[in-house]
Amino acid sequence: MLVLTRKPGEAIHIGDDIFIKVSEISGNRVKLCIDAPKIMRILRAEVAEQIEQQQTNGAPVRDEKFRRRSQTDSHSNMSALA
């Protein structure tokens, strides 16, 4: 695992098309801006674990938030996040 230190406004590039920018730090919370291709599914770890658990149990997966976000969001440019 790679561990990096970043300040607000600084970014990390992963490959050619994924950018993660530290937008804000407040107390023990960090707000990240992620710019990635629309086809890439981005989930918080706890949501991914819940989906995996539901799939293991054979329960239908409610993933409406992802569908709604992926249909309406356009994964804004990092320059727009500055």
PDB file of N, CA and C in Angstrom:
ATOM      1  N   MET A   1       0.845  -1.178   0.000  1.00  0.00           N
ATOM      2  CA  MET A   1       0.000   0.000   0.000  1.00  0.00           C
ATOM      3  C   MET A   1       0.890   1.241   0.000  1.00  0.00           C
ATOM      4  N   LEU A   2       0.568   2.147  -0.862  1.00  0.00           N
ATOM      5  CA  LEU A   2       1.277   3.419  -0.943  1.00  0.00           C
ATOM      6  C   LEU A   2       0.564   4.435  -0.050  1.00  0.00           C
ATOM      7  N   VAL A   3       1.317   5.101   0.805  1.00  0.00           N
ATOM      8  CA  VAL A   3       0.747   6.120   1.689  1.00  0.00           C
ATOM      9  C   VAL A   3       1.363   7.463   1.304  1.00  0.00           C
ATOM     10  N   LEU A   4       0.496   8.436   0.992  1.00  0.00           N
ATOM     11  CA  LEU A   4       0.947   9.768   0.596  1.00  0.00           C
ATOM     12  C   LEU A   4       0.358  10.816   1.526  1.00  0.00           C
ATOM     13  N   THR A   5       1.081  11.885   1.702  1.00  0.00           N
ATOM     14  CA  THR A   5       0.584  13.026   2.459  1.00  0.00           C
ATOM     15  C   THR A   5       0.235  14.127   1.470  1.00  0.00           C
ATOM     16  N   ARG A   6      -0.958  14.671   1.578  1.00  0.00           N
ATOM     17  CA  ARG A   6      -1.415  15.725   0.684  1.00  0.00           C
ATOM     18  C   ARG A   6      -2.050  16.840   1.505  1.00  0.00           C
ATOM     19  N   LYS A   7      -1.949  18.043   1.008  1.00  0.00           N
ATOM     20  CA  LYS A   7      -2.597  19.203   1.609  1.00  0.00           C
ATOM     21  C   LYS A   7      -3.814  19.550   0.776  1.00  0.00           C
ATOM     22  N   PRO A   8      -4.750  20.336   1.345  1.00  0.00           N
ATOM     23  CA  PRO A   8      -5.909  20.760   0.544  1.00  0.00           C
ATOM     24  C   PRO A   8      -5.456  21.425  -0.758  1.00  0.00           C
ATOM     25  N   GLY A   9      -6.100  21.039  -1.853  1.00  0.00           N
ATOM     26  CA  GLY A   9      -5.765  21.568  -3.167  1.00  0.00           C
ATOM     27  C   GLY A   9      -4.771  20.711  -3.928  1.00  0.00           C
ATOM     28  N   GLU A  10      -4.067  19.819  -3.234  1.00  0.00           N
ATOM     29  CA  GLU A  10      -3.109  18.949  -3.903  1.00  0.00           C
ATOM     30  C   GLU A  10      -3.816  17.703  -4.415  1.00  0.00           C
ATOM     31  N   ALA A  11      -3.252  17.092  -5.450  1.00  0.00           N
ATOM     32  CA  ALA A  11      -3.912  15.966  -6.103  1.00  0.00           C
ATOM     33  C   ALA A  11      -2.977  14.779  -6.259  1.00  0.00           C
ATOM     34  N   ILE A  12      -3.587  13.652  -6.561  1.00  0.00           N
ATOM     35  CA  ILE A  12      -2.881  12.406  -6.868  1.00  0.00           C
ATOM     36  C   ILE A  12      -3.404  11.936  -8.213  1.00  0.00           C
ATOM     37  N   HIS A  13      -2.510  11.521  -9.097  1.00  0.00           N
ATOM     38  CA  HIS A  13      -2.894  10.979 -10.403  1.00  0.00           C
ATOM     39  C   HIS A  13      -2.669   9.481 -10.362  1.00  0.00           C
ATOM     40  N   ILE A  14      -3.664   8.724 -10.806  1.00  0.00           N
ATOM     41  CA  ILE A  14      -3.547   7.267 -10.916  1.00  0.00           C
ATOM     42  C   ILE A  14      -3.730   6.919 -12.391  1.00  0.00           C
ATOM     43  N   GLY A  15      -2.688   6.414 -12.988  1.00  0.00           N
ATOM     44  CA  GLY A  15      -2.743   6.140 -14.419  1.00  0.00           C
ATOM     45  C   GLY A  15      -2.912   7.440 -15.187  1.00  0.00           C
ATOM     46  N   ASP A  16      -3.561   7.332 -16.352  1.00  0.00           N
ATOM     47  CA  ASP A  16      -3.744   8.502 -17.203  1.00  0.00           C
ATOM     48  C   ASP A  16      -5.073   9.211 -16.995  1.00  0.00           C
ATOM     49  N   ASP A  17      -6.038   8.540 -16.331  1.00  0.00           N
ATOM     50  CA  ASP A  17      -7.385   9.118 -16.328  1.00  0.00           C
ATOM     51  C   ASP A  17      -8.086   9.133 -14.972  1.00  0.00           C
ATOM     52  N   ILE A  18      -7.346   8.949 -13.889  1.00  0.00           N
ATOM     53  CA  ILE A  18      -7.948   9.034 -12.561  1.00  0.00           C
ATOM     54  C   ILE A  18      -7.181  10.075 -11.753  1.00  0.00           C
ATOM     55  N   PHE A  19      -7.929  11.037 -11.212  1.00  0.00           N
ATOM     56  CA  PHE A  19      -7.335  12.105 -10.420  1.00  0.00           C
ATOM     57  C   PHE A  19      -8.103  12.219  -9.107  1.00  0.00           C
ATOM     58  N   ILE A  20      -7.378  12.276  -8.012  1.00  0.00           N
ATOM     59  CA  ILE A  20      -7.989  12.434  -6.692  1.00  0.00           C
ATOM     60  C   ILE A  20      -7.399  13.686  -6.074  1.00  0.00           C
ATOM     61  N   LYS A  21      -8.279  14.608  -5.705  1.00  0.00           N
ATOM     62  CA  LYS A  21      -7.842  15.889  -5.157  1.00  0.00           C
ATOM     63  C   LYS A  21      -8.387  16.044  -3.742  1.00  0.00           C
ATOM     64  N   VAL A  22      -7.538  16.488  -2.819  1.00  0.00           N
ATOM     65  CA  VAL A  22      -7.983  16.802  -1.461  1.00  0.00           C
ATOM     66  C   VAL A  22      -8.658  18.158  -1.528  1.00  0.00           C
ATOM     67  N   SER A  23      -9.952  18.170  -1.284  1.00  0.00           N
ATOM     68  CA  SER A  23     -10.720  19.398  -1.386  1.00  0.00           C
ATOM     69  C   SER A  23     -10.713  20.169  -0.070  1.00  0.00           C
ATOM     70  N   GLU A  24     -10.879  19.426   1.014  1.00  0.00           N
ATOM     71  CA  GLU A  24     -11.038  20.088   2.315  1.00  0.00           C
ATOM     72  C   GLU A  24     -10.675  19.116   3.432  1.00  0.00           C
ATOM     73  N   ILE A  25     -10.089  19.638   4.490  1.00  0.00           N
ATOM     74  CA  ILE A  25      -9.831  18.858   5.701  1.00  0.00           C
ATOM     75  C   ILE A  25     -10.478  19.611   6.842  1.00  0.00           C
ATOM     76  N   SER A  26     -11.332  18.909   7.583  1.00  0.00           N
ATOM     77  CA  SER A  26     -12.030  19.520   8.706  1.00  0.00           C
ATOM     78  C   SER A  26     -12.044  18.519   9.864  1.00  0.00           C
ATOM     79  N   GLY A  27     -11.229  18.801  10.876  1.00  0.00           N
ATOM     80  CA  GLY A  27     -11.137  17.868  12.001  1.00  0.00           C
ATOM     81  C   GLY A  27     -10.565  16.543  11.526  1.00  0.00           C
ATOM     82  N   ASN A  28     -11.327  15.456  11.759  1.00  0.00           N
ATOM     83  CA  ASN A  28     -10.859  14.134  11.339  1.00  0.00           C
ATOM     84  C   ASN A  28     -11.513  13.678  10.038  1.00  0.00           C
ATOM     85  N   ARG A  29     -12.058  14.612   9.269  1.00  0.00           N
ATOM     86  CA  ARG A  29     -12.711  14.282   7.997  1.00  0.00           C
ATOM     87  C   ARG A  29     -11.973  14.921   6.838  1.00  0.00           C
ATOM     88  N   VAL A  30     -11.887  14.179   5.744  1.00  0.00           N
ATOM     89  CA  VAL A  30     -11.231  14.659   4.533  1.00  0.00           C
ATOM     90  C   VAL A  30     -12.241  14.584   3.399  1.00  0.00           C
ATOM     91  N   LYS A  31     -12.387  15.667   2.661  1.00  0.00           N
ATOM     92  CA  LYS A  31     -13.283  15.684   1.495  1.00  0.00           C
ATOM     93  C   LYS A  31     -12.417  15.527   0.252  1.00  0.00           C
ATOM     94  N   LEU A  32     -12.723  14.480  -0.525  1.00  0.00           N
ATOM     95  CA  LEU A  32     -11.966  14.188  -1.737  1.00  0.00           C
ATOM     96  C   LEU A  32     -12.810  14.454  -2.971  1.00  0.00           C
ATOM     97  N   CYS A  33     -12.185  14.931  -4.015  1.00  0.00           N
ATOM     98  CA  CYS A  33     -12.812  15.070  -5.329  1.00  0.00           C
ATOM     99  C   CYS A  33     -12.160  14.028  -6.221  1.00  0.00           C
ATOM    100  N   ILE A  34     -12.977  13.201  -6.855  1.00  0.00           N
ATOM    101  CA  ILE A  34     -12.462  12.134  -7.704  1.00  0.00           C
ATOM    102  C   ILE A  34     -12.936  12.375  -9.127  1.00  0.00           C
ATOM    103  N   ASP A  35     -11.995  12.433 -10.043  1.00  0.00           N
ATOM    104  CA  ASP A  35     -12.300  12.576 -11.462  1.00  0.00           C
ATOM    105  C   ASP A  35     -11.840  11.294 -12.142  1.00  0.00           C
ATOM    106  N   ALA A  36     -12.805  10.528 -12.663  1.00  0.00           N
ATOM    107  CA  ALA A  36     -12.509   9.240 -13.279  1.00  0.00           C
ATOM    108  C   ALA A  36     -13.496   9.006 -14.419  1.00  0.00           C
ATOM    109  N   PRO A  37     -13.181   8.078 -15.311  1.00  0.00           N
ATOM    110  CA  PRO A  37     -14.114   7.772 -16.397  1.00  0.00           C
ATOM    111  C   PRO A  37     -15.470   7.333 -15.843  1.00  0.00           C
ATOM    112  N   LYS A  38     -16.546   7.692 -16.548  1.00  0.00           N
ATOM    113  CA  LYS A  38     -17.891   7.342 -16.092  1.00  0.00           C
ATOM    114  C   LYS A  38     -18.074   5.840 -15.925  1.00  0.00           C
ATOM    115  N   ILE A  39     -17.378   5.066 -16.714  1.00  0.00           N
ATOM    116  CA  ILE A  39     -17.542   3.616 -16.660  1.00  0.00           C
ATOM    117  C   ILE A  39     -16.991   3.030 -15.354  1.00  0.00           C
ATOM    118  N   MET A  40     -16.117   3.764 -14.681  1.00  0.00           N
ATOM    119  CA  MET A  40     -15.523   3.285 -13.445  1.00  0.00           C
ATOM    120  C   MET A  40     -16.495   3.484 -12.279  1.00  0.00           C
ATOM    121  N   ARG A  41     -16.780   2.430 -11.578  1.00  0.00           N
ATOM    122  CA  ARG A  41     -17.684   2.480 -10.438  1.00  0.00           C
ATOM    123  C   ARG A  41     -16.879   2.861  -9.202  1.00  0.00           C
ATOM    124  N   ILE A  42     -17.314   3.908  -8.510  1.00  0.00           N
ATOM    125  CA  ILE A  42     -16.621   4.384  -7.319  1.00  0.00           C
ATOM    126  C   ILE A  42     -17.600   4.318  -6.155  1.00  0.00           C
ATOM    127  N   LEU A  43     -17.246   3.520  -5.142  1.00  0.00           N
ATOM    128  CA  LEU A  43     -18.111   3.338  -3.973  1.00  0.00           C
ATOM    129  C   LEU A  43     -17.302   3.533  -2.702  1.00  0.00           C
ATOM    130  N   ARG A  44     -17.960   4.021  -1.649  1.00  0.00           N
ATOM    131  CA  ARG A  44     -17.343   4.011  -0.327  1.00  0.00           C
ATOM    132  C   ARG A  44     -17.191   2.555   0.101  1.00  0.00           C
ATOM    133  N   ALA A  45     -16.170   2.247   0.880  1.00  0.00           N
ATOM    134  CA  ALA A  45     -15.880   0.867   1.280  1.00  0.00           C
ATOM    135  C   ALA A  45     -17.073   0.206   1.955  1.00  0.00           C
ATOM    136  N   GLU A  46     -17.771   0.934   2.832  1.00  0.00           N
ATOM    137  CA  GLU A  46     -18.893   0.319   3.550  1.00  0.00           C
ATOM    138  C   GLU A  46     -20.047  -0.019   2.613  1.00  0.00           C
ATOM    139  N   VAL A  47     -20.236   0.757   1.573  1.00  0.00           N
ATOM    140  CA  VAL A  47     -21.288   0.469   0.588  1.00  0.00           C
ATOM    141  C   VAL A  47     -20.902  -0.759  -0.237  1.00  0.00           C
ATOM    142  N   ALA A  48     -19.641  -0.826  -0.661  1.00  0.00           N
ATOM    143  CA  ALA A  48     -19.162  -1.981  -1.433  1.00  0.00           C
ATOM    144  C   ALA A  48     -19.300  -3.266  -0.614  1.00  0.00           C
ATOM    145  N   GLU A  49     -18.961  -3.203   0.686  1.00  0.00           N
ATOM    146  CA  GLU A  49     -19.081  -4.373   1.558  1.00  0.00           C
ATOM    147  C   GLU A  49     -20.538  -4.789   1.711  1.00  0.00           C
ATOM    148  N   GLN A  50     -21.440  -3.825   1.833  1.00  0.00           N
ATOM    149  CA  GLN A  50     -22.863  -4.127   1.962  1.00  0.00           C
ATOM    150  C   GLN A  50     -23.382  -4.809   0.692  1.00  0.00           C
ATOM    151  N   ILE A  51     -22.989  -4.312  -0.458  1.00  0.00           N
ATOM    152  CA  ILE A  51     -23.406  -4.908  -1.731  1.00  0.00           C
ATOM    153  C   ILE A  51     -22.865  -6.331  -1.838  1.00  0.00           C
ATOM    154  N   GLU A  52     -21.603  -6.515  -1.474  1.00  0.00           N
ATOM    155  CA  GLU A  52     -20.996  -7.851  -1.529  1.00  0.00           C
ATOM    156  C   GLU A  52     -21.722  -8.818  -0.601  1.00  0.00           C
ATOM    157  N   GLN A  53     -22.067  -8.344   0.606  1.00  0.00           N
ATOM    158  CA  GLN A  53     -22.782  -9.189   1.564  1.00  0.00           C
ATOM    159  C   GLN A  53     -24.172  -9.554   1.032  1.00  0.00           C
ATOM    160  N   GLN A  54     -24.867  -8.594   0.429  1.00  0.00           N
ATOM    161  CA  GLN A  54     -26.185  -8.872  -0.133  1.00  0.00           C
ATOM    162  C   GLN A  54     -26.092  -9.882  -1.272  1.00  0.00           C
ATOM    163  N   GLN A  55     -25.069  -9.764  -2.098  1.00  0.00           N
ATOM    164  CA  GLN A  55     -24.892 -10.706  -3.202  1.00  0.00           C
ATOM    165  C   GLN A  55     -24.584 -12.103  -2.680  1.00  0.00           C
ATOM    166  N   THR A  56     -23.787 -12.194  -1.614  1.00  0.00           N
ATOM    167  CA  THR A  56     -23.453 -13.475  -1.008  1.00  0.00           C
ATOM    168  C   THR A  56     -24.695 -14.139  -0.430  1.00  0.00           C
ATOM    169  N   ASN A  57     -25.584 -13.334   0.156  1.00  0.00           N
ATOM    170  CA  ASN A  57     -26.809 -13.858   0.758  1.00  0.00           C
ATOM    171  C   ASN A  57     -27.914 -14.075  -0.262  1.00  0.00           C
ATOM    172  N   GLY A  58     -27.684 -13.707  -1.508  1.00  0.00           N
ATOM    173  CA  GLY A  58     -28.679 -13.889  -2.556  1.00  0.00           C
ATOM    174  C   GLY A  58     -29.766 -12.837  -2.553  1.00  0.00           C
ATOM    175  N   ALA A  59     -29.585 -11.787  -1.767  1.00  0.00           N
ATOM    176  CA  ALA A  59     -30.585 -10.711  -1.716  1.00  0.00           C
ATOM    177  C   ALA A  59     -30.393  -9.787  -2.913  1.00  0.00           C
ATOM    178  N   PRO A  60     -31.475  -9.201  -3.408  1.00  0.00           N
ATOM    179  CA  PRO A  60     -31.324  -8.250  -4.515  1.00  0.00           C
ATOM    180  C   PRO A  60     -30.526  -7.028  -4.048  1.00  0.00           C
ATOM    181  N   VAL A  61     -29.707  -6.528  -4.911  1.00  0.00           N
ATOM    182  CA  VAL A  61     -28.862  -5.383  -4.575  1.00  0.00           C
ATOM    183  C   VAL A  61     -29.583  -4.108  -4.945  1.00  0.00           C
ATOM    184  N   ARG A  62     -29.773  -3.239  -3.965  1.00  0.00           N
ATOM    185  CA  ARG A  62     -30.366  -1.921  -4.219  1.00  0.00           C
ATOM    186  C   ARG A  62     -29.233  -0.962  -4.459  1.00  0.00           C
ATOM    187  N   ASP A  63     -29.067  -0.590  -5.679  1.00  0.00           N
ATOM    188  CA  ASP A  63     -27.956   0.272  -6.062  1.00  0.00           C
ATOM    189  C   ASP A  63     -28.489   1.489  -6.810  1.00  0.00           C
ATOM    190  N   GLU A  64     -29.640   1.997  -6.375  1.00  0.00           N
ATOM    191  CA  GLU A  64     -30.291   3.103  -7.059  1.00  0.00           C
ATOM    192  C   GLU A  64     -29.451   4.372  -7.016  1.00  0.00           C
ATOM    193  N   LYS A  65     -28.765   4.605  -5.896  1.00  0.00           N
ATOM    194  CA  LYS A  65     -27.962   5.820  -5.775  1.00  0.00           C
ATOM    195  C   LYS A  65     -26.866   5.835  -6.821  1.00  0.00           C
ATOM    196  N   PHE A  66     -26.230   4.681  -7.066  1.00  0.00           N
ATOM    197  CA  PHE A  66     -25.172   4.626  -8.073  1.00  0.00           C
ATOM    198  C   PHE A  66     -25.755   4.902  -9.446  1.00  0.00           C
ATOM    199  N   ARG A  67     -26.864   4.268  -9.783  1.00  0.00           N
ATOM    200  CA  ARG A  67     -27.460   4.480 -11.106  1.00  0.00           C
ATOM    201  C   ARG A  67     -27.848   5.933 -11.289  1.00  0.00           C
ATOM    202  N   ARG A  68     -28.467   6.523 -10.277  1.00  0.00           N
ATOM    203  CA  ARG A  68     -28.893   7.914 -10.370  1.00  0.00           C
ATOM    204  C   ARG A  68     -27.687   8.827 -10.547  1.00  0.00           C
ATOM    205  N   ARG A  69     -26.624   8.597  -9.771  1.00  0.00           N
ATOM    206  CA  ARG A  69     -25.436   9.436  -9.840  1.00  0.00           C
ATOM    207  C   ARG A  69     -24.762   9.281 -11.194  1.00  0.00           C
ATOM    208  N   SER A  70     -24.635   8.059 -11.659  1.00  0.00           N
ATOM    209  CA  SER A  70     -23.924   7.852 -12.911  1.00  0.00           C
ATOM    210  C   SER A  70     -24.700   8.401 -14.104  1.00  0.00           C
ATOM    211  N   GLN A  71     -26.012   8.512 -13.983  1.00  0.00           N
ATOM    212  CA  GLN A  71     -26.809   9.059 -15.070  1.00  0.00           C
ATOM    213  C   GLN A  71     -26.796  10.582 -15.076  1.00  0.00           C
ATOM    214  N   THR A  72     -26.662  11.188 -13.897  1.00  0.00           N
ATOM    215  CA  THR A  72     -26.761  12.643 -13.817  1.00  0.00           C
ATOM    216  C   THR A  72     -25.419  13.338 -13.715  1.00  0.00           C
ATOM    217  N   ASP A  73     -24.424  12.699 -13.068  1.00  0.00           N
ATOM    218  CA  ASP A  73     -23.111  13.325 -12.917  1.00  0.00           C
ATOM    219  C   ASP A  73     -22.318  13.192 -14.192  1.00  0.00           C
ATOM    220  N   SER A  74     -21.461  14.142 -14.406  1.00  0.00           N
ATOM    221  CA  SER A  74     -20.621  14.079 -15.605  1.00  0.00           C
ATOM    222  C   SER A  74     -19.153  14.016 -15.223  1.00  0.00           C
ATOM    223  N   HIS A  75     -18.850  13.560 -13.979  1.00  0.00           N
ATOM    224  CA  HIS A  75     -17.477  13.474 -13.501  1.00  0.00           C
ATOM    225  C   HIS A  75     -16.709  14.725 -13.933  1.00  0.00           C
ATOM    226  N   SER A  76     -16.919  15.789 -13.230  1.00  0.00           N
ATOM    227  CA  SER A  76     -16.368  17.088 -13.606  1.00  0.00           C
ATOM    228  C   SER A  76     -14.849  17.079 -13.726  1.00  0.00           C
ATOM    229  N   ASN A  77     -14.357  18.026 -14.466  1.00  0.00           N
ATOM    230  CA  ASN A  77     -12.933  18.198 -14.672  1.00  0.00           C
ATOM    231  C   ASN A  77     -12.280  18.649 -13.375  1.00  0.00           C
ATOM    232  N   MET A  78     -11.032  18.249 -13.129  1.00  0.00           N
ATOM    233  CA  MET A  78     -10.331  18.664 -11.922  1.00  0.00           C
ATOM    234  C   MET A  78     -10.155  20.180 -11.913  1.00  0.00           C
ATOM    235  N   SER A  79     -10.017  20.805 -13.057  1.00  0.00           N
ATOM    236  CA  SER A  79      -9.854  22.258 -13.097  1.00  0.00           C
ATOM    237  C   SER A  79     -11.094  22.950 -12.570  1.00  0.00           C
ATOM    238  N   ALA A  80     -12.262  22.312 -12.734  1.00  0.00           N
ATOM    239  CA  ALA A  80     -13.496  22.891 -12.235  1.00  0.00           C
ATOM    240  C   ALA A  80     -13.592  22.727 -10.721  1.00  0.00           C
ATOM    241  N   LEU A  81     -12.787  21.830 -10.159  1.00  0.00           N
ATOM    242  CA  LEU A  81     -12.839  21.579  -8.719  1.00  0.00           C
ATOM    243  C   LEU A  81     -11.939  22.503  -7.934  1.00  0.00           C
ATOM    244  N   ALA A  82     -11.111  23.259  -8.610  1.00  0.00           N
ATOM    245  CA  ALA A  82     -10.150  24.136  -7.930  1.00  0.00           C
ATOM    246  C   ALA A  82     -10.822  25.270  -7.218  1.00  0.00           C
TER     247      ALA A  82
END
